[in-house]
Amino acid sequence: MSMKRFYYQIHLWLGLVSGLLVFIISITGALYAFQKEISGLEKYNKVEVRDVPKLPPSQLKSVAEGVLPGKTLNFIKYNGSGKSAEAFFYGYNPKYYYIVYLNPYSGSVLKVKDMNKDFFRFILMGHFYLWLPPQIGQPLVAGSTLVFLIVLISGIIVWLPKRFSQLKKRLTLKWGKKVKWQRVNYDLHVVGGIYASIFGFVFAISGLVWGYPWFAEAVYKLAGGNKSLTYSDASPKNNISSSLTIDESIDKVWALMQTEYPKAASIEIHPPRNDSTLIAANATQADGKYWKTDYRYFDYNTLNEVSVDNLYGRFADADTADKVMRMNYEIHTGAILGLPGRIIAFFASIFIAGLPITGFIIWWRKRGKKKKETLF
């Protein structure tokens, strides 16, 4: 068996095995591309701007907890001018996920949303877990992504022309009324697949960073990183007593964040989960780039700022490796290039979702021809 034939067999059989899962992962990724813009059209996301200070987190916390008694408030997010504030509640035993949308000026409840019934949440769960329990779906998605990467590499090896003079032909789609649909299908898979592979590599590698901790560690170490990749707001319990309540502490942290980030796209306040955790506060820069977010941590007894040993600290303290890992989400979604990048990612995902279909048609037709040959 020649080397190209060997790689063709790898491309064929791994492609057939993973095709359905690659289709689901790609199509759900495409559907989720404009979640932010579409969800932002809902009325409860908007409020009338008023010339008064926004309510502190302790007051919004009190209102939100009154709406969902017995549920755990994880954090409050203040969005930019003219936008509602959000109180996030989620838990695992029992499992729930709610967002309470609030008017940050009056504290009135605009919407209580069960995220487990949200359309885009449903799409995201398909993208992450194939709508299966996470302990089953996540390994399947990660494994399919790894197989997809191998399919891409083997496909490129099979595609490579023997002579440079054939390169133009291999990169040109045949189109027109006289071209049979079978030829169009073949070119869409082979020629179109080569162009799509550029984006496929980006999607696959950034997806594997989430899928396998060992892969994320390898990428981070290769980039020169030396911090922990695991987010943690834990802090050793101290013996310093404080006259401040948790509510008073989070209000003071909120006031500090407002002062230091007056133009932030959003600010989050995470109340401490217990007396051994910190108050976490995040500020996303005015340009809305999540990878530039400043993550800050405060001891709720003393309000002293605390450093952490993971890459989720102040952006100014992030080195090149930290920035590479922080960018992973926006690289994966195309948002690193703004709206144009997400538009490109959307169409690329749609096309990649079609590759298993065009590939299956090519295989099925060849299989049919072989059957006819054996009959005669």
Protein backbone atom coordinates (compact mmCIF):
# COMPACT_ATOMS: atom_id res chain seq x y z
CA MET A 1 0.00 0.00 0.00
CA SER A 2 1.36 3.40 -1.01
CA MET A 3 1.72 6.18 1.56
CA LYS A 4 -1.06 8.25 -0.03
CA ARG A 5 -3.35 5.24 -0.06
CA PHE A 6 -2.63 4.71 3.63
CA TYR A 7 -3.55 8.31 4.47
CA TYR A 8 -6.61 8.07 2.23
CA GLN A 9 -7.85 5.11 4.28
CA ILE A 10 -7.27 7.03 7.50
CA HIS A 11 -9.13 10.05 6.10
CA LEU A 12 -12.00 7.92 4.81
CA TRP A 13 -12.71 5.71 7.80
CA LEU A 14 -12.08 8.26 10.54
CA GLY A 15 -14.21 10.72 8.57
CA LEU A 16 -17.08 8.23 8.32
CA VAL A 17 -16.85 7.35 12.03
CA SER A 18 -16.75 10.96 13.26
CA GLY A 19 -18.87 12.57 10.54
CA LEU A 20 -22.16 12.84 12.42
CA LEU A 21 -20.53 14.26 15.55
CA VAL A 22 -18.45 16.74 13.53
CA PHE A 23 -21.66 17.87 11.81
CA ILE A 24 -23.45 18.44 15.14
CA ILE A 25 -20.48 20.25 16.72
CA SER A 26 -20.02 22.48 13.66
CA ILE A 27 -23.67 23.35 13.11
CA THR A 28 -24.26 24.16 16.78
CA GLY A 29 -21.13 26.32 16.75
CA ALA A 30 -22.51 28.23 13.77
CA LEU A 31 -25.94 28.67 15.41
CA TYR A 32 -24.31 30.04 18.56
CA ALA A 33 -22.14 32.58 16.68
CA PHE A 34 -24.53 35.51 17.06
CA GLN A 35 -26.05 34.60 20.41
CA LYS A 36 -24.93 37.86 21.99
CA GLU A 37 -26.50 40.08 19.32
CA ILE A 38 -29.76 38.12 19.08
CA SER A 39 -30.25 37.77 22.83
CA GLY A 40 -29.41 41.45 23.27
CA LEU A 41 -32.54 42.39 21.29
CA GLU A 42 -34.80 41.25 24.15
CA LYS A 43 -36.49 44.13 25.97
CA TYR A 44 -35.33 42.99 29.40
CA ASN A 45 -31.73 43.59 28.36
CA LYS A 46 -32.30 47.32 28.07
CA VAL A 47 -33.13 50.09 30.55
CA GLU A 48 -33.55 53.83 30.35
CA VAL A 49 -30.38 55.63 31.36
CA ARG A 50 -30.89 57.78 34.47
CA ASP A 51 -28.73 60.47 35.99
CA VAL A 52 -28.48 58.67 39.32
CA PRO A 53 -25.95 56.14 40.67
CA LYS A 54 -26.57 52.48 40.05
CA LEU A 55 -27.66 50.50 43.09
CA PRO A 56 -24.86 48.68 44.95
CA PRO A 57 -24.61 44.88 44.63
CA SER A 58 -25.96 44.27 48.15
CA GLN A 59 -29.32 45.77 47.15
CA LEU A 60 -29.52 43.93 43.84
CA LYS A 61 -28.47 40.76 45.66
CA SER A 62 -31.30 41.18 48.17
CA VAL A 63 -33.89 41.66 45.42
CA ALA A 64 -32.65 38.74 43.32
CA GLU A 65 -32.46 36.35 46.29
CA GLY A 66 -36.00 37.30 47.20
CA VAL A 67 -37.13 36.19 43.74
CA LEU A 68 -35.27 32.85 43.94
CA PRO A 69 -35.27 31.84 47.62
CA GLY A 70 -33.10 28.86 48.43
CA LYS A 71 -30.96 29.30 45.32
CA THR A 72 -27.27 30.30 45.46
CA LEU A 73 -26.31 33.67 43.99
CA ASN A 74 -22.97 33.30 42.22
CA PHE A 75 -22.36 36.80 40.94
CA ILE A 76 -23.88 40.09 39.84
CA LYS A 77 -22.93 41.59 36.50
CA TYR A 78 -23.28 45.30 35.76
CA ASN A 79 -23.39 45.91 32.03
CA GLY A 80 -22.74 49.13 30.13
CA SER A 81 -24.91 52.21 29.82
CA GLY A 82 -28.53 51.51 28.96
CA LYS A 83 -28.30 47.82 29.82
CA SER A 84 -29.84 45.79 32.63
CA ALA A 85 -27.85 44.21 35.43
CA GLU A 86 -27.80 40.42 35.75
CA ALA A 87 -27.80 38.20 38.83
CA PHE A 88 -26.55 34.68 38.12
CA PHE A 89 -27.74 31.68 40.10
CA TYR A 90 -26.51 28.16 39.42
CA GLY A 91 -26.08 24.98 41.37
CA TYR A 92 -25.34 21.31 40.77
CA ASN A 93 -27.25 19.34 43.39
CA PRO A 94 -30.00 19.94 42.50
CA LYS A 95 -29.01 21.29 39.08
CA TYR A 96 -30.32 24.75 38.15
CA TYR A 97 -29.25 27.86 36.24
CA TYR A 98 -31.17 31.13 36.37
CA ILE A 99 -30.46 34.74 35.43
CA VAL A 100 -32.46 37.52 37.08
CA TYR A 101 -32.45 40.69 34.98
CA LEU A 102 -32.69 43.85 37.07
CA ASN A 103 -32.96 47.58 36.50
CA PRO A 104 -29.66 48.75 38.05
CA TYR A 105 -31.16 52.15 38.96
CA SER A 106 -34.41 51.05 40.63
CA GLY A 107 -33.79 47.38 41.44
CA SER A 108 -37.01 46.31 39.72
CA VAL A 109 -37.07 42.79 38.30
CA LEU A 110 -37.29 42.78 34.51
CA LYS A 111 -37.09 39.04 33.86
CA VAL A 112 -36.38 35.76 35.64
CA LYS A 113 -34.94 33.44 33.02
CA ASP A 114 -34.51 29.69 33.42
CA MET A 115 -31.40 29.16 31.31
CA ASN A 116 -32.02 25.42 31.07
CA LYS A 117 -35.00 26.33 28.85
CA ASP A 118 -33.13 28.90 26.77
CA PHE A 119 -32.66 28.14 23.05
CA PHE A 120 -29.03 29.22 22.88
CA ARG A 121 -28.25 27.33 26.08
CA PHE A 122 -29.70 24.24 24.38
CA ILE A 123 -27.46 24.86 21.36
CA LEU A 124 -24.41 25.36 23.59
CA MET A 125 -25.08 22.11 25.44
CA GLY A 126 -25.14 20.36 22.08
CA HIS A 127 -21.83 21.95 21.15
CA PHE A 128 -20.20 21.05 24.46
CA TYR A 129 -21.85 17.73 25.34
CA LEU A 130 -24.00 16.55 22.39
CA TRP A 131 -26.97 16.91 24.80
CA LEU A 132 -25.64 13.99 26.82
CA PRO A 133 -24.57 13.97 30.49
CA PRO A 134 -21.30 15.95 30.67
CA GLN A 135 -19.28 12.95 31.84
CA ILE A 136 -20.27 11.17 28.61
CA GLY A 137 -20.69 14.04 26.14
CA GLN A 138 -17.53 15.96 26.93
CA PRO A 139 -15.13 13.06 26.19
CA LEU A 140 -17.08 12.34 22.99
CA VAL A 141 -16.77 15.95 21.82
CA ALA A 142 -13.09 16.11 22.75
CA GLY A 143 -12.40 12.78 21.06
CA SER A 144 -14.31 13.80 17.92
CA THR A 145 -12.34 17.04 17.78
CA LEU A 146 -9.07 15.14 17.99
CA VAL A 147 -10.21 12.73 15.27
CA PHE A 148 -11.32 15.70 13.14
CA LEU A 149 -7.81 17.16 13.43
CA ILE A 150 -6.34 13.87 12.19
CA VAL A 151 -8.88 13.81 9.33
CA LEU A 152 -7.81 17.34 8.34
CA ILE A 153 -4.12 16.44 8.31
CA SER A 154 -4.65 13.20 6.37
CA GLY A 155 -6.93 15.01 3.91
CA ILE A 156 -4.27 17.60 3.14
CA ILE A 157 -1.67 14.86 2.59
CA VAL A 158 -4.01 13.07 0.16
CA TRP A 159 -4.80 16.34 -1.63
CA LEU A 160 -1.17 17.40 -2.17
CA PRO A 161 -0.38 17.27 -5.93
CA LYS A 162 2.62 15.36 -7.23
CA ARG A 163 3.76 18.30 -9.34
CA PHE A 164 3.65 22.03 -8.60
CA SER A 165 2.04 22.67 -12.00
CA GLN A 166 -1.08 20.84 -10.77
CA LEU A 167 -1.55 23.16 -7.79
CA LYS A 168 -3.81 25.67 -9.55
CA LYS A 169 -6.09 22.88 -10.74
CA ARG A 170 -6.30 21.47 -7.21
CA LEU A 171 -7.32 24.90 -5.86
CA THR A 172 -10.03 25.66 -8.43
CA LEU A 173 -13.72 24.81 -8.14
CA LYS A 174 -15.39 23.68 -11.39
CA TRP A 175 -18.72 25.43 -11.74
CA GLY A 176 -21.29 25.99 -14.45
CA LYS A 177 -24.36 24.52 -16.15
CA LYS A 178 -22.40 21.79 -17.91
CA VAL A 179 -20.71 20.60 -14.73
CA LYS A 180 -22.50 17.61 -13.20
CA TRP A 181 -23.60 17.82 -9.58
CA GLN A 182 -21.34 14.89 -8.72
CA ARG A 183 -18.32 16.93 -9.82
CA VAL A 184 -19.55 19.97 -7.88
CA ASN A 185 -19.97 17.80 -4.78
CA TYR A 186 -16.47 16.37 -5.23
CA ASP A 187 -14.89 19.81 -5.63
CA LEU A 188 -16.79 21.20 -2.66
CA HIS A 189 -15.32 18.44 -0.51
CA VAL A 190 -11.79 18.36 -1.91
CA VAL A 191 -11.11 21.94 -3.04
CA GLY A 192 -13.46 23.62 -0.59
CA GLY A 193 -12.14 21.39 2.16
CA ILE A 194 -8.62 22.70 1.63
CA TYR A 195 -9.76 26.29 2.14
CA ALA A 196 -11.97 25.29 5.08
CA SER A 197 -9.07 23.42 6.70
CA ILE A 198 -7.48 26.78 7.57
CA PHE A 199 -10.41 27.51 9.87
CA GLY A 200 -10.78 23.86 10.81
CA PHE A 201 -7.31 23.83 12.36
CA VAL A 202 -8.16 26.94 14.40
CA PHE A 203 -11.46 25.47 15.63
CA ALA A 204 -9.93 22.08 16.40
CA ILE A 205 -6.83 23.25 18.25
CA SER A 206 -8.70 25.87 20.31
CA GLY A 207 -11.40 23.26 21.02
CA LEU A 208 -8.81 20.75 22.21
CA VAL A 209 -7.53 23.33 24.71
CA TRP A 210 -10.91 22.97 26.45
CA GLY A 211 -11.28 19.29 25.73
CA TYR A 212 -8.06 17.96 27.23
CA PRO A 213 -6.26 19.48 30.24
CA TRP A 214 -3.00 17.84 29.08
CA PHE A 215 -3.34 19.57 25.70
CA ALA A 216 -3.99 22.96 27.34
CA GLU A 217 -0.98 22.47 29.60
CA ALA A 218 1.19 21.54 26.61
CA VAL A 219 0.14 24.64 24.64
CA TYR A 220 0.63 26.86 27.68
CA LYS A 221 4.05 25.43 28.54
CA LEU A 222 5.12 25.63 24.89
CA ALA A 223 4.21 29.34 24.95
CA GLY A 224 6.36 29.77 28.08
CA GLY A 225 3.66 29.82 30.75
CA ASN A 226 4.33 28.85 34.36
CA LYS A 227 1.07 29.60 36.21
CA SER A 228 -1.91 27.42 37.05
CA LEU A 229 -4.61 27.13 34.38
CA THR A 230 -7.27 26.44 37.00
CA TYR A 231 -9.37 29.37 38.18
CA SER A 232 -9.61 29.61 41.96
CA ASP A 233 -10.79 32.32 44.33
CA ALA A 234 -9.80 30.33 47.43
CA SER A 235 -7.70 31.98 50.11
CA PRO A 236 -6.33 30.70 53.40
CA LYS A 237 -8.64 31.59 56.25
CA ASN A 238 -7.25 34.43 58.33
CA ASN A 239 -7.84 35.28 61.94
CA ILE A 240 -8.52 38.95 61.37
CA SER A 241 -11.96 39.95 62.52
CA SER A 242 -13.88 42.68 60.76
CA SER A 243 -16.80 44.88 61.62
CA LEU A 244 -17.87 44.75 57.94
CA THR A 245 -20.61 42.41 56.79
CA ILE A 246 -20.27 40.60 53.46
CA ASP A 247 -22.83 42.98 51.94
CA GLU A 248 -20.85 46.01 53.10
CA SER A 249 -17.65 44.47 51.73
CA ILE A 250 -19.01 43.76 48.26
CA ASP A 251 -20.44 47.31 48.10
CA LYS A 252 -17.02 48.75 48.87
CA VAL A 253 -15.38 46.55 46.24
CA TRP A 254 -18.05 47.64 43.73
CA ALA A 255 -17.34 51.30 44.52
CA LEU A 256 -13.62 50.70 43.99
CA MET A 257 -14.19 48.95 40.66
CA GLN A 258 -16.47 51.73 39.44
CA THR A 259 -13.79 54.29 40.24
CA GLU A 260 -10.98 52.35 38.58
CA TYR A 261 -12.96 51.20 35.52
CA PRO A 262 -15.40 54.02 34.68
CA LYS A 263 -15.59 52.98 31.00
CA ALA A 264 -15.73 49.21 31.46
CA ALA A 265 -18.03 47.22 29.18
CA SER A 266 -19.08 45.22 32.24
CA ILE A 267 -18.14 44.68 35.89
CA GLU A 268 -18.85 41.51 37.86
CA ILE A 269 -18.98 41.18 41.64
CA HIS A 270 -18.70 37.65 43.06
CA PRO A 271 -19.62 37.48 46.76
CA PRO A 272 -17.45 35.08 48.79
CA ARG A 273 -18.87 31.55 48.98
CA ASN A 274 -17.66 31.15 52.57
CA ASP A 275 -15.18 32.65 55.02
CA SER A 276 -12.28 30.95 53.22
CA THR A 277 -12.89 32.51 49.82
CA LEU A 278 -12.32 35.94 48.40
CA ILE A 279 -14.52 38.58 46.85
CA ALA A 280 -13.78 38.26 43.12
CA ALA A 281 -14.36 41.27 40.88
CA ASN A 282 -13.91 41.28 37.10
CA ALA A 283 -13.83 44.25 34.75
CA THR A 284 -14.08 43.75 30.99
CA GLN A 285 -12.39 46.56 29.08
CA ALA A 286 -14.40 49.09 27.11
CA ASP A 287 -13.76 47.26 23.82
CA GLY A 288 -15.54 44.17 25.19
CA LYS A 289 -12.60 41.83 24.63
CA TYR A 290 -12.90 39.13 27.29
CA TRP A 291 -9.24 38.15 27.07
CA LYS A 292 -8.32 41.63 28.32
CA THR A 293 -10.49 41.27 31.44
CA ASP A 294 -8.97 42.37 34.74
CA TYR A 295 -9.58 39.78 37.46
CA ARG A 296 -9.25 41.21 40.99
CA TYR A 297 -9.54 39.48 44.38
CA PHE A 298 -10.16 40.99 47.82
CA ASP A 299 -10.17 39.66 51.36
CA TYR A 300 -13.66 40.50 52.58
CA ASN A 301 -12.45 41.03 56.15
CA THR A 302 -9.70 43.54 55.38
CA LEU A 303 -10.57 44.50 51.76
CA ASN A 304 -6.89 44.05 50.97
CA GLU A 305 -6.26 42.95 47.40
CA VAL A 306 -4.90 39.41 47.11
CA SER A 307 -2.75 37.95 44.33
CA VAL A 308 -3.48 34.53 42.85
CA ASP A 309 -1.13 32.04 41.22
CA ASN A 310 -3.29 31.37 38.14
CA LEU A 311 -3.45 33.27 34.85
CA TYR A 312 -6.74 34.95 35.79
CA GLY A 313 -5.27 38.07 37.38
CA ARG A 314 -4.78 41.63 36.22
CA PHE A 315 -4.31 41.92 32.47
CA ALA A 316 -1.27 44.14 32.97
CA ASP A 317 0.42 41.25 34.78
CA ALA A 318 -0.30 38.72 32.02
CA ASP A 319 2.67 37.55 29.98
CA THR A 320 2.55 36.28 26.39
CA ALA A 321 1.61 32.72 27.37
CA ASP A 322 -1.18 33.99 29.65
CA LYS A 323 -2.58 36.13 26.82
CA VAL A 324 -2.48 33.20 24.39
CA MET A 325 -4.59 31.09 26.75
CA ARG A 326 -6.92 33.97 27.59
CA MET A 327 -7.52 34.50 23.86
CA ASN A 328 -8.60 30.89 23.31
CA TYR A 329 -12.37 31.56 23.55
CA GLU A 330 -12.28 34.50 21.18
CA ILE A 331 -9.96 32.68 18.77
CA HIS A 332 -12.37 29.73 18.76
CA THR A 333 -15.40 31.94 18.05
CA GLY A 334 -13.66 34.37 15.69
CA ALA A 335 -14.47 37.23 18.08
CA ILE A 336 -10.74 38.04 18.28
CA LEU A 337 -11.34 39.90 14.96
CA GLY A 338 -14.60 41.46 16.14
CA LEU A 339 -17.88 41.09 14.24
CA PRO A 340 -16.15 40.34 10.89
CA GLY A 341 -14.32 37.46 12.57
CA ARG A 342 -17.53 35.97 13.92
CA ILE A 343 -19.18 36.28 10.48
CA ILE A 344 -16.23 34.38 8.97
CA ALA A 345 -16.43 31.77 11.76
CA PHE A 346 -20.17 31.36 11.10
CA PHE A 347 -19.76 30.61 7.40
CA ALA A 348 -16.67 28.47 8.00
CA SER A 349 -18.60 26.38 10.55
CA ILE A 350 -21.49 25.92 8.12
CA PHE A 351 -19.10 24.77 5.40
CA ILE A 352 -17.23 22.41 7.75
CA ALA A 353 -20.59 20.93 8.81
CA GLY A 354 -21.14 20.10 5.14
CA LEU A 355 -17.83 18.27 4.67
CA PRO A 356 -19.01 14.99 6.27
CA ILE A 357 -22.06 15.11 3.97
CA THR A 358 -20.12 15.72 0.74
CA GLY A 359 -17.53 13.16 1.82
CA PHE A 360 -20.20 10.55 2.54
CA ILE A 361 -21.77 11.12 -0.91
CA ILE A 362 -18.39 10.59 -2.60
CA TRP A 363 -17.83 7.34 -0.65
CA TRP A 364 -21.37 6.08 -1.28
CA ARG A 365 -21.15 6.67 -5.03
CA LYS A 366 -17.76 4.89 -5.25
CA ARG A 367 -19.19 2.05 -3.22
CA GLY A 368 -22.13 1.79 -5.62
CA LYS A 369 -19.82 1.68 -8.63
CA LYS A 370 -17.77 -1.14 -7.10
CA LYS A 371 -20.95 -3.16 -6.51
CA LYS A 372 -21.95 -2.78 -10.17
CA GLU A 373 -18.51 -3.87 -11.31
CA THR A 374 -18.72 -7.04 -9.21
CA LEU A 375 -22.13 -7.87 -10.75
CA PHE A 376 -20.77 -7.89 -14.26
